[in-house]
Protein backbone atom coordinates (compact mmCIF):
# COMPACT_ATOMS: atom_id res chain seq x y z
CA MET A 1 20.88 75.35 269.60
CA PRO A 2 19.94 71.83 270.67
CA PHE A 3 20.77 68.55 268.72
CA PHE A 4 18.25 66.22 267.42
CA ALA A 5 18.66 62.48 266.47
CA TYR A 6 16.47 61.68 263.46
CA LYS A 7 15.69 58.55 261.52
CA GLY A 8 13.91 58.81 258.03
CA ARG A 9 13.67 57.16 254.58
CA ASN A 10 14.98 58.61 251.42
CA ALA A 11 13.22 58.33 247.97
CA ARG A 12 14.31 54.85 247.46
CA GLY A 13 12.91 53.68 250.92
CA GLU A 14 16.53 53.48 252.62
CA LEU A 15 16.63 54.12 256.37
CA MET A 16 18.67 57.22 256.96
CA GLN A 17 19.85 58.49 260.62
CA GLY A 18 21.99 61.02 261.92
CA ILE A 19 22.20 64.04 264.14
CA LEU A 20 21.24 67.75 263.20
CA GLU A 21 21.58 70.95 265.11
CA ALA A 22 18.53 73.18 264.78
CA ALA A 23 16.08 75.51 266.66
CA ASP A 24 13.36 72.79 267.11
CA SER A 25 12.12 69.80 265.61
CA GLY A 26 10.12 71.61 263.06
CA ALA A 27 13.44 73.12 261.64
CA VAL A 28 14.93 69.64 261.56
CA ALA A 29 11.95 68.29 259.56
CA ASP A 30 12.19 71.03 257.18
CA GLN A 31 15.99 70.37 256.66
CA LEU A 32 15.24 66.57 255.97
CA PHE A 33 12.39 67.37 253.60
CA ASN A 34 14.62 69.88 251.69
CA THR A 35 17.12 67.06 251.06
CA GLY A 36 14.69 64.43 250.06
CA VAL A 37 14.31 62.60 253.37
CA THR A 38 11.06 61.76 254.92
CA PRO A 39 11.44 61.93 258.80
CA ILE A 40 10.15 58.96 260.77
CA GLU A 41 11.58 60.03 264.39
CA ILE A 42 13.07 63.18 265.73
CA VAL A 43 14.21 63.33 269.39
CA VAL A 44 16.45 65.75 271.26
CA THR A 45 19.90 64.19 272.00
CA LYS A 46 23.33 65.39 273.20
CA LYS A 47 25.91 66.24 270.63
CA ALA A 48 27.56 63.16 268.98
CA ALA A 49 31.00 62.67 270.06
CA ALA A 50 33.60 64.17 267.73
CA ALA A 51 36.20 62.12 265.90
CA GLY A 52 39.47 61.88 267.81
CA ASP A 53 38.14 61.53 271.22
CA GLY A 54 41.63 60.49 272.32
CA GLU A 55 42.84 64.12 272.10
CA THR A 56 43.20 66.22 275.27
CA TRP A 57 40.70 68.80 276.14
CA TRP A 58 43.39 71.49 275.68
CA ALA A 59 44.13 70.21 272.02
CA LYS A 60 40.51 70.27 271.36
CA LEU A 61 40.08 73.80 272.70
CA LEU A 62 43.13 75.20 270.69
CA GLU A 63 42.01 73.39 267.54
CA LYS A 64 40.83 75.81 264.72
CA ARG A 65 37.23 75.48 263.54
CA VAL A 66 36.30 74.48 259.88
CA THR A 67 36.02 77.64 257.90
CA SER A 68 34.09 78.49 254.69
CA MET A 69 37.50 78.49 252.88
CA ASP A 70 37.78 74.91 253.83
CA VAL A 71 34.40 73.97 252.36
CA GLN A 72 35.30 76.09 249.33
CA LEU A 73 38.62 74.51 248.71
CA PHE A 74 36.99 71.02 249.26
CA SER A 75 34.29 71.74 246.63
CA ARG A 76 37.08 72.64 244.02
CA GLN A 77 39.03 69.52 244.82
CA MET A 78 35.93 67.31 244.67
CA TYR A 79 35.19 68.69 241.18
CA THR A 80 38.61 68.08 239.87
CA LEU A 81 38.78 64.59 241.18
CA LEU A 82 35.24 63.44 240.09
CA LYS A 83 35.91 65.16 236.55
CA SER A 84 39.04 63.14 236.36
CA GLY A 85 37.35 59.94 237.15
CA VAL A 86 39.07 59.22 240.47
CA PRO A 87 36.70 57.12 242.64
CA ILE A 88 35.07 59.03 245.52
CA MET A 89 36.50 56.82 248.21
CA ARG A 90 40.10 57.11 246.97
CA GLY A 91 39.56 60.77 246.40
CA LEU A 92 38.31 61.50 249.94
CA ALA A 93 41.28 59.41 251.30
CA GLY A 94 43.59 61.58 249.45
CA LEU A 95 41.91 64.86 250.64
CA GLN A 96 42.00 63.59 254.28
CA GLU A 97 45.68 62.93 254.14
CA SER A 98 46.35 66.48 252.63
CA ALA A 99 44.03 68.44 254.70
CA VAL A 100 45.48 71.62 256.12
CA SER A 101 42.91 71.86 258.74
CA LYS A 102 42.77 69.06 261.28
CA ALA A 103 39.18 69.80 262.16
CA PHE A 104 38.13 69.37 258.40
CA GLY A 105 40.34 66.37 258.14
CA LYS A 106 38.13 64.72 260.76
CA VAL A 107 34.93 65.68 258.68
CA ILE A 108 36.38 64.14 255.73
CA LYS A 109 37.30 60.90 257.69
CA ASP A 110 33.72 60.60 258.90
CA LEU A 111 32.54 61.14 255.21
CA ARG A 112 34.54 58.16 254.30
CA GLU A 113 33.28 56.01 257.10
CA SER A 114 29.70 57.13 256.27
CA LEU A 115 30.02 56.33 252.71
CA ASP A 116 31.68 52.92 253.61
CA ALA A 117 28.60 52.08 255.73
CA GLY A 118 26.35 52.56 252.68
CA ARG A 119 25.16 56.25 253.25
CA GLU A 120 24.83 58.71 250.29
CA LEU A 121 27.49 61.60 250.16
CA SER A 122 24.59 64.17 251.07
CA ALA A 123 23.47 62.07 254.06
CA ALA A 124 26.91 61.79 255.30
CA MET A 125 27.58 65.54 255.08
CA ARG A 126 24.16 66.01 256.78
CA ARG A 127 25.83 64.59 259.98
CA HIS A 128 27.79 67.97 260.02
CA PRO A 129 25.29 70.91 259.86
CA GLU A 130 28.04 73.21 261.43
CA VAL A 131 30.19 72.60 258.24
CA PHE A 132 27.68 72.15 255.35
CA THR A 133 24.71 74.49 255.08
CA PRO A 134 21.33 73.36 254.17
CA PHE A 135 21.84 74.81 250.74
CA TYR A 136 25.06 73.06 250.19
CA LEU A 137 23.44 69.84 251.27
CA SER A 138 20.49 70.29 248.89
CA MET A 139 22.66 71.07 246.13
CA VAL A 140 24.75 67.88 246.66
CA ARG A 141 21.52 65.96 246.81
CA VAL A 142 20.44 67.32 243.38
CA GLY A 143 23.86 66.41 241.93
CA GLU A 144 23.46 62.92 243.09
CA MET A 145 20.00 62.54 241.73
CA THR A 146 20.82 64.20 238.41
CA GLY A 147 24.25 62.34 237.99
CA ARG A 148 25.96 65.82 237.59
CA LEU A 149 27.64 65.81 240.95
CA GLU A 150 31.06 67.21 239.62
CA GLU A 151 29.32 70.15 237.86
CA VAL A 152 27.36 70.93 241.20
CA PHE A 153 30.61 70.95 243.04
CA LEU A 154 32.18 73.38 240.67
CA ARG A 155 29.14 75.65 240.81
CA LEU A 156 29.21 75.50 244.71
CA PHE A 157 32.93 76.55 244.63
CA ASP A 158 31.97 79.67 242.53
CA HIS A 159 29.00 80.31 244.76
CA LEU A 160 31.11 80.18 247.92
CA GLU A 161 33.86 82.27 246.27
CA PHE A 162 31.27 84.90 245.38
CA ASP A 163 29.75 84.70 248.94
CA ARG A 164 33.02 85.09 250.66
CA ASP A 165 34.18 88.00 248.39
CA MET A 166 30.97 89.87 248.99
CA ARG A 167 31.17 89.54 252.76
CA GLU A 168 34.95 90.53 253.01
CA ARG A 169 34.24 93.76 250.85
CA VAL A 170 31.54 94.80 253.00
CA LYS A 171 33.50 94.27 256.19
CA THR A 172 36.30 96.14 254.55
CA ALA A 173 34.44 99.13 253.58
CA THR A 174 32.68 99.36 257.00
CA ARG A 175 35.98 99.09 259.07
CA TYR A 176 37.08 102.83 258.84
CA PRO A 177 33.56 104.31 259.78
CA SER A 178 33.35 101.90 262.53
CA PHE A 179 36.82 102.67 263.76
CA VAL A 180 35.89 106.71 263.61
CA MET A 181 32.70 106.02 265.57
CA MET A 182 34.50 104.07 268.25
CA ALA A 183 37.27 106.74 268.46
CA MET A 184 34.64 109.44 269.01
CA LEU A 185 32.78 107.47 271.52
CA ILE A 186 36.13 107.00 273.54
CA ALA A 187 36.73 110.51 273.20
CA MET A 188 33.40 111.62 274.59
CA VAL A 189 33.96 109.32 277.73
CA VAL A 190 37.59 110.67 278.43
CA VAL A 191 36.18 114.32 278.23
CA ASN A 192 33.43 113.55 280.57
CA ILE A 193 35.52 111.65 283.07
CA PHE A 194 38.76 113.66 283.09
CA VAL A 195 38.63 117.07 281.16
CA ILE A 196 35.55 118.56 282.30
CA PRO A 197 36.10 117.83 286.02
CA ALA A 198 39.44 119.44 285.76
CA PHE A 199 37.74 122.80 284.57
CA VAL A 200 35.17 122.56 287.29
CA GLY A 201 37.63 123.57 289.89
CA VAL A 202 38.76 126.65 287.82
CA PHE A 203 35.18 127.67 287.09
CA ALA A 204 34.37 127.47 290.89
CA LYS A 205 37.16 129.98 291.80
CA PHE A 206 35.45 132.72 289.93
CA HIS A 207 32.16 132.45 291.64
CA ALA A 208 30.51 133.43 288.20
CA GLU A 209 27.46 132.42 286.63
CA LEU A 210 28.16 129.76 283.92
CA PRO A 211 26.50 129.48 280.49
CA LEU A 212 23.75 126.80 280.00
CA MET A 213 25.89 124.84 277.89
CA THR A 214 28.63 124.63 280.44
CA ARG A 215 26.15 123.71 283.30
CA ILE A 216 24.70 120.99 281.18
CA LEU A 217 28.21 119.59 280.40
CA ILE A 218 29.13 119.81 284.09
CA GLY A 219 25.98 117.96 285.13
CA THR A 220 26.37 115.16 282.56
CA SER A 221 30.22 114.74 283.81
CA ASN A 222 29.07 114.73 287.36
CA PHE A 223 26.42 112.08 286.48
CA THR A 224 29.03 109.97 284.47
CA VAL A 225 31.73 110.04 287.36
CA ARG A 226 29.32 109.39 290.06
CA TYR A 227 27.27 106.73 288.39
CA TRP A 228 29.58 105.09 285.81
CA PRO A 229 29.36 101.62 287.58
CA VAL A 230 25.65 101.80 287.07
CA MET A 231 26.00 102.99 283.43
CA ALA A 232 28.54 100.16 282.66
CA VAL A 233 26.18 97.52 284.24
CA GLY A 234 23.11 99.18 282.39
CA VAL A 235 25.01 98.93 279.06
CA ALA A 236 26.08 95.39 279.64
CA LEU A 237 22.47 94.40 280.48
CA ALA A 238 21.31 96.21 277.28
CA VAL A 239 23.74 94.40 275.06
CA TRP A 240 22.63 91.13 276.83
CA GLY A 241 19.03 91.73 276.33
CA PHE A 242 19.46 92.89 272.82
CA ARG A 243 21.32 89.50 271.91
CA LEU A 244 18.59 87.59 273.49
CA TRP A 245 16.01 89.67 271.57
CA VAL A 246 17.84 89.17 268.40
CA ARG A 247 17.87 85.24 268.98
CA THR A 248 14.12 85.24 268.86
CA PRO A 249 12.49 84.85 265.53
CA ARG A 250 10.68 88.09 265.83
CA GLY A 251 13.46 90.09 267.11
CA LEU A 252 15.75 88.80 264.33
CA TYR A 253 13.07 89.71 261.71
CA GLU A 254 12.78 93.17 263.13
CA TRP A 255 16.44 93.75 263.38
CA ASP A 256 17.28 92.56 259.90
CA LYS A 257 14.46 94.64 258.55
CA PHE A 258 15.86 97.66 260.57
CA LYS A 259 19.39 97.03 259.01
CA LEU A 260 18.07 97.60 255.63
CA LYS A 261 16.81 101.12 256.47
CA ILE A 262 20.20 102.31 257.98
CA PRO A 263 21.38 105.30 255.83
CA VAL A 264 24.09 104.29 253.26
CA ALA A 265 24.87 100.86 254.63
CA GLY A 266 21.33 99.49 254.41
CA LYS A 267 21.27 99.88 250.47
CA ILE A 268 24.72 98.05 250.40
CA VAL A 269 23.28 95.12 252.59
CA LEU A 270 20.22 94.90 250.61
CA LYS A 271 21.95 94.83 247.13
CA ALA A 272 24.57 92.22 248.39
CA THR A 273 21.92 90.00 249.88
CA MET A 274 19.80 90.19 246.60
CA ALA A 275 23.04 89.33 244.59
CA ARG A 276 23.32 86.29 246.70
CA PHE A 277 19.75 85.43 246.20
CA ALA A 278 19.92 85.77 242.54
CA ARG A 279 23.16 83.76 242.17
CA SER A 280 21.87 80.98 244.32
CA PHE A 281 18.76 80.72 242.32
CA SER A 282 20.41 80.60 239.17
CA LEU A 283 22.69 77.93 240.46
CA SER A 284 19.60 75.97 241.64
CA SER A 285 17.68 76.27 238.45
CA ARG A 286 20.60 75.43 236.26
CA SER A 287 21.21 72.29 238.29
CA GLY A 288 17.53 71.10 237.51
CA VAL A 289 15.98 71.88 240.99
CA PRO A 290 12.14 72.69 240.55
CA ILE A 291 11.22 76.46 241.19
CA VAL A 292 9.43 75.82 244.46
CA GLN A 293 11.95 73.71 245.84
CA ALA A 294 14.67 76.12 244.49
CA LEU A 295 13.03 79.01 246.28
CA THR A 296 12.90 77.02 249.49
CA VAL A 297 16.51 76.17 249.33
CA VAL A 298 17.55 79.77 248.17
CA ALA A 299 15.71 81.06 251.21
CA GLN A 300 18.30 79.42 253.46
CA THR A 301 21.22 81.19 251.74
CA VAL A 302 19.79 84.72 252.26
CA ASP A 303 21.53 85.90 255.51
CA ASN A 304 18.66 88.27 256.53
CA ALA A 305 15.27 87.11 258.28
CA TYR A 306 13.23 89.69 256.59
CA LEU A 307 14.42 88.96 253.19
CA THR A 308 14.17 85.23 253.76
CA ALA A 309 10.38 85.85 254.68
CA ARG A 310 10.05 87.75 251.30
CA VAL A 311 11.50 84.81 249.28
CA GLU A 312 9.39 82.23 251.10
CA GLN A 313 6.43 84.69 250.36
CA MET A 314 7.48 84.31 246.60
CA ARG A 315 7.67 80.55 247.08
CA ASP A 316 4.18 80.27 248.47
CA GLY A 317 2.96 82.39 245.74
CA VAL A 318 4.53 80.19 242.95
CA GLU A 319 3.10 77.04 244.81
CA ARG A 320 -0.36 78.71 244.51
CA GLY A 321 0.22 78.98 240.71
CA ASP A 322 1.27 82.71 240.46
CA SER A 323 4.00 83.65 238.06
CA ILE A 324 7.58 84.46 239.31
CA LEU A 325 7.10 87.81 238.14
CA ARG A 326 3.94 88.43 240.08
CA THR A 327 5.34 87.03 243.38
CA ALA A 328 8.65 89.13 242.91
CA ALA A 329 6.60 92.33 242.62
CA ALA A 330 4.56 91.45 245.66
CA ALA A 331 7.73 90.94 247.64
CA ASN A 332 8.55 94.59 247.25
CA VAL A 333 12.30 94.23 247.41
CA PHE A 334 13.31 94.23 243.60
CA THR A 335 13.79 97.37 241.43
CA PRO A 336 11.69 97.95 238.37
CA VAL A 337 14.73 96.95 236.17
CA VAL A 338 14.97 93.62 237.80
CA LEU A 339 11.38 92.92 237.59
CA GLN A 340 11.58 93.62 233.83
CA MET A 341 14.50 91.07 233.70
CA ILE A 342 12.55 88.55 235.43
CA ALA A 343 9.52 88.98 233.16
CA VAL A 344 11.77 88.62 230.05
CA GLY A 345 13.48 85.43 231.70
CA GLU A 346 10.07 83.71 232.61
CA GLU A 347 8.64 84.47 229.18
CA SER A 348 11.67 83.26 227.42
CA GLY A 349 12.31 80.08 229.55
CA SER A 350 15.70 81.22 230.38
CA ILE A 351 15.18 82.34 234.13
CA ASP A 352 18.46 80.98 235.16
CA ASP A 353 20.41 82.99 232.65
CA LEU A 354 18.65 86.25 233.56
CA MET A 355 18.91 85.52 237.31
CA ASP A 356 22.71 85.44 236.66
CA GLU A 357 22.47 88.71 234.74
CA ILE A 358 20.66 90.19 237.87
CA ALA A 359 23.28 89.06 240.21
CA GLN A 360 25.98 90.55 238.09
CA MET A 361 24.03 93.88 238.06
CA TYR A 362 23.64 93.78 241.85
CA GLU A 363 27.25 93.06 242.10
CA ARG A 364 28.26 95.80 240.03
CA GLU A 365 26.00 98.07 242.08
CA VAL A 366 27.55 97.05 245.32
CA ASP A 367 31.14 97.38 243.93
CA TYR A 368 30.24 100.97 243.21
CA GLU A 369 28.70 101.62 246.54
CA LEU A 370 31.64 100.16 248.24
CA LYS A 371 34.05 102.23 246.28
CA THR A 372 32.23 105.39 247.15
CA LEU A 373 31.31 104.52 250.54
CA SER A 374 34.10 106.53 252.20
CA ALA A 375 32.97 109.66 250.19
CA GLN A 376 29.38 109.12 251.28
CA ILE A 377 30.13 108.53 255.04
CA GLU A 378 32.79 111.22 255.35
CA PRO A 379 30.47 114.24 255.48
CA ILE A 380 28.26 112.61 258.23
CA LEU A 381 31.52 111.98 260.30
CA ILE A 382 32.57 115.56 259.65
CA VAL A 383 29.12 116.95 260.97
CA PHE A 384 29.32 114.56 264.10
CA LEU A 385 32.97 115.83 264.76
CA GLY A 386 31.78 119.36 264.18
CA VAL A 387 29.01 119.23 266.60
CA LEU A 388 31.33 117.61 269.16
CA VAL A 389 33.86 120.36 268.86
CA LEU A 390 31.13 123.04 268.90
CA VAL A 391 29.66 121.73 272.18
CA LEU A 392 33.16 121.54 273.67
CA ALA A 393 33.96 125.14 272.60
CA LEU A 394 30.62 126.41 273.81
CA GLY A 395 30.75 124.68 277.04
CA ILE A 396 34.40 124.80 278.18
CA PHE A 397 36.24 127.42 276.22
CA LEU A 398 33.61 130.20 275.92
CA PRO A 399 33.24 130.44 279.84
CA ILE A 400 37.06 130.71 279.98
CA TRP A 401 37.17 133.42 277.34
CA ASP A 402 34.42 135.52 279.20
CA LEU A 403 36.27 135.00 282.61
CA GLY A 404 39.47 136.19 281.05
CA LYS A 405 37.97 139.32 279.59
CA ALA A 406 36.47 139.91 282.90
CA ALA A 407 39.74 139.61 284.71
CA LEU A 408 41.41 141.85 282.39
CA HIS A 409 38.72 144.77 283.02
CA GLN A 410 39.41 144.41 286.67
């Protein structure tokens, strides 16, 4: 994505400037508005030179990128330092010296220099959009405005821990099915290219009419052997075209919507995403963020374009004066039980507590789905393996059996 240099003014009228990476200038303006900065000028620019330009290009190439674990650890350390009364500049200096990641150490150094130049912490973090998400920046901004920065850092730590744990569990649960499907695909390729051509010569010696399934397998094998370069190029072009399509707003929306409909895996993705939404909304509400702004910020944490659109639809409804319950029902992504909890929370004025309960409920459901994922997928894999074995048996071994019987009768 391109980089944009911006100038703007915060709520106190102070001039703010920096560089952000975004799809277009409108996305940059949205990020600035969400963090309390009114943009004055936004222009396309090249990426700012990173700290440590004296390093060789080889060292920069091998340098590890900043991970979510680095940001999570930083959040916890900032909470501890601020709660202990350590001045933020001295605390950042200590964190820079003790940073395990050199890349994140450079980020902390830039934060110190920005604070020393008179910028606020959220404005300094905004200079590193590849490290700090818009949600993270918005929460830090809220902490600065409310004077509860240390509390915000603790909640951000919990949020990042939950988000990382959820993603890792989903990856772990889907690793085995992915491996089995990949092994089946490789087996099909090997059978088509090496096994079936070996049997073609045997069948040809008998000059007998082959069953339909055998003729289909031989035709498929001949096509694969003859045109495999074309097929490889076609697959590569299809993958490239798919990636280009997914990068478009419409393509990403349709793909994320389709992912939610995938058998077994779709409901896990939906529940994990909704748990992240409920947790983020609870965090924003407890930190004093107005509901409309909270929904705007939370929409950025939902890692699904389709669900992001549904959250933005909720925000638009609340902005028009509708209740959270009505907008949540119109979004058509919450279960009736969750809608009842939202209704109780809105009526009692404790929507943040109820959203936290909703997040825990979704987490428990995701935990159960992940524990039973193998049991749900195994029958599907067995059916696929059975069909593969049946096709091979009918196409290869049945003709051999028939030819063998014919030879014995002669």
